[in-house]
Amino acid sequence: MSPEFPVNSKVRVVTLPPYVKTADPMPMLRPPDVISIGEEGIVIDRRPGGYWGVRFSRGTFLIDSQYIESAENPPVSKPVSE
């Protein structure tokens, strides 16, 4: 099951997809270097197929949920047992 992100929440790119698709009315494919690993964006909307509309500094793109994670709730690390 793909993770859910609330609209207007911050997400972070964890791996680059082979390409990115613009979220324009007539989408266009762009090379993955328009975004970078670790870049944060704002979730605009949810799209069918596990895609999210995310606004980054260089535009709004459709990103598959496997390439992003929440930037608002940092992962909780387990305490080291002694």
C-alpha atoms as a PDB file:
ATOM      1  CA  MET A   1       0.000   0.000   0.000  1.00  0.00           C
ATOM      2  CA  SER A   2       1.345   3.409  -0.913  1.00  0.00           C
ATOM      3  CA  PRO A   3       1.816   6.019   1.800  1.00  0.00           C
ATOM      4  CA  GLU A   4      -0.727   8.805   2.167  1.00  0.00           C
ATOM      5  CA  PHE A   5       0.316  12.454   2.308  1.00  0.00           C
ATOM      6  CA  PRO A   6      -2.090  15.216   3.364  1.00  0.00           C
ATOM      7  CA  VAL A   7      -2.539  18.082   0.903  1.00  0.00           C
ATOM      8  CA  ASN A   8      -0.217  21.012   1.763  1.00  0.00           C
ATOM      9  CA  SER A   9       2.206  18.723   3.624  1.00  0.00           C
ATOM     10  CA  LYS A  10       5.945  18.736   2.916  1.00  0.00           C
ATOM     11  CA  VAL A  11       7.527  15.751   1.196  1.00  0.00           C
ATOM     12  CA  ARG A  12      11.149  14.939   0.367  1.00  0.00           C
ATOM     13  CA  VAL A  13      12.548  13.158  -2.690  1.00  0.00           C
ATOM     14  CA  VAL A  14      14.336   9.963  -1.580  1.00  0.00           C
ATOM     15  CA  THR A  15      15.244   8.514  -4.998  1.00  0.00           C
ATOM     16  CA  LEU A  16      15.063   9.978  -8.484  1.00  0.00           C
ATOM     17  CA  PRO A  17      12.587   8.501 -10.950  1.00  0.00           C
ATOM     18  CA  PRO A  18      13.759   7.724 -14.511  1.00  0.00           C
ATOM     19  CA  TYR A  19      11.821  10.819 -15.639  1.00  0.00           C
ATOM     20  CA  VAL A  20       9.303  13.263 -14.175  1.00  0.00           C
ATOM     21  CA  LYS A  21       5.989  14.370 -15.654  1.00  0.00           C
ATOM     22  CA  THR A  22       4.794  17.935 -15.349  1.00  0.00           C
ATOM     23  CA  ALA A  23       1.411  18.473 -13.666  1.00  0.00           C
ATOM     24  CA  ASP A  24       0.250  20.801 -16.455  1.00  0.00           C
ATOM     25  CA  PRO A  25      -3.082  20.330 -18.268  1.00  0.00           C
ATOM     26  CA  MET A  26      -0.982  18.864 -21.105  1.00  0.00           C
ATOM     27  CA  PRO A  27       1.748  16.976 -19.198  1.00  0.00           C
ATOM     28  CA  MET A  28       5.269  16.728 -20.593  1.00  0.00           C
ATOM     29  CA  LEU A  29       8.082  14.374 -19.626  1.00  0.00           C
ATOM     30  CA  ARG A  30      11.202  15.999 -18.218  1.00  0.00           C
ATOM     31  CA  PRO A  31      14.596  14.557 -17.297  1.00  0.00           C
ATOM     32  CA  PRO A  32      14.942  13.661 -13.622  1.00  0.00           C
ATOM     33  CA  ASP A  33      17.557  16.367 -13.000  1.00  0.00           C
ATOM     34  CA  VAL A  34      14.836  19.054 -12.682  1.00  0.00           C
ATOM     35  CA  ILE A  35      14.543  17.793  -9.081  1.00  0.00           C
ATOM     36  CA  SER A  36      17.251  16.450  -6.803  1.00  0.00           C
ATOM     37  CA  ILE A  37      17.469  13.879  -4.034  1.00  0.00           C
ATOM     38  CA  GLY A  38      16.628  15.530  -0.725  1.00  0.00           C
ATOM     39  CA  GLU A  39      14.656  18.357  -2.346  1.00  0.00           C
ATOM     40  CA  GLU A  40      11.463  19.228  -0.507  1.00  0.00           C
ATOM     41  CA  GLY A  41       8.141  20.138  -2.054  1.00  0.00           C
ATOM     42  CA  ILE A  42       4.505  20.731  -1.103  1.00  0.00           C
ATOM     43  CA  VAL A  43       1.776  18.195  -1.926  1.00  0.00           C
ATOM     44  CA  ILE A  44      -0.837  19.877  -4.134  1.00  0.00           C
ATOM     45  CA  ASP A  45      -3.168  16.941  -4.817  1.00  0.00           C
ATOM     46  CA  ARG A  46      -3.543  13.178  -5.164  1.00  0.00           C
ATOM     47  CA  ARG A  47      -3.735  11.628  -8.612  1.00  0.00           C
ATOM     48  CA  PRO A  48      -4.847   8.137  -9.699  1.00  0.00           C
ATOM     49  CA  GLY A  49      -2.289   5.343  -9.724  1.00  0.00           C
ATOM     50  CA  GLY A  50      -0.356   6.347  -6.607  1.00  0.00           C
ATOM     51  CA  TYR A  51       0.840   9.669  -8.048  1.00  0.00           C
ATOM     52  CA  TRP A  52       1.017  12.954  -6.188  1.00  0.00           C
ATOM     53  CA  GLY A  53       1.071  16.469  -7.555  1.00  0.00           C
ATOM     54  CA  VAL A  54       4.035  18.091  -5.794  1.00  0.00           C
ATOM     55  CA  ARG A  55       5.200  21.710  -6.162  1.00  0.00           C
ATOM     56  CA  PHE A  56       8.983  22.029  -6.165  1.00  0.00           C
ATOM     57  CA  SER A  57      11.122  25.126  -6.741  1.00  0.00           C
ATOM     58  CA  ARG A  58      11.390  24.385 -10.492  1.00  0.00           C
ATOM     59  CA  GLY A  59       7.739  23.516 -11.094  1.00  0.00           C
ATOM     60  CA  THR A  60       4.892  21.181 -10.197  1.00  0.00           C
ATOM     61  CA  PHE A  61       5.400  17.524 -11.083  1.00  0.00           C
ATOM     62  CA  LEU A  62       3.578  14.212 -10.778  1.00  0.00           C
ATOM     63  CA  ILE A  63       5.653  11.974  -8.522  1.00  0.00           C
ATOM     64  CA  ASP A  64       5.017   8.309  -7.721  1.00  0.00           C
ATOM     65  CA  SER A  65       4.712   7.690  -3.981  1.00  0.00           C
ATOM     66  CA  GLN A  66       7.717   5.315  -4.015  1.00  0.00           C
ATOM     67  CA  TYR A  67      10.050   8.255  -4.720  1.00  0.00           C
ATOM     68  CA  ILE A  68       8.955  10.527  -1.865  1.00  0.00           C
ATOM     69  CA  GLU A  69       8.604  10.475   1.914  1.00  0.00           C
ATOM     70  CA  SER A  70       7.076  12.826   4.444  1.00  0.00           C
ATOM     71  CA  ALA A  71       9.411  15.646   5.466  1.00  0.00           C
ATOM     72  CA  GLU A  72       7.232  16.702   8.391  1.00  0.00           C
ATOM     73  CA  ASN A  73       7.413  13.569  10.512  1.00  0.00           C
ATOM     74  CA  PRO A  74      11.034  12.467  10.736  1.00  0.00           C
ATOM     75  CA  PRO A  75      11.493   8.717  11.076  1.00  0.00           C
ATOM     76  CA  VAL A  76      11.663   7.533  14.661  1.00  0.00           C
ATOM     77  CA  SER A  77      14.822   5.606  15.435  1.00  0.00           C
ATOM     78  CA  LYS A  78      14.702   2.636  17.764  1.00  0.00           C
ATOM     79  CA  PRO A  79      16.655   2.981  20.987  1.00  0.00           C
ATOM     80  CA  VAL A  80      19.783   0.875  21.099  1.00  0.00           C
ATOM     81  CA  SER A  81      19.449  -1.873  23.700  1.00  0.00           C
ATOM     82  CA  GLU A  82      22.406  -2.472  25.875  1.00  0.00           C
END
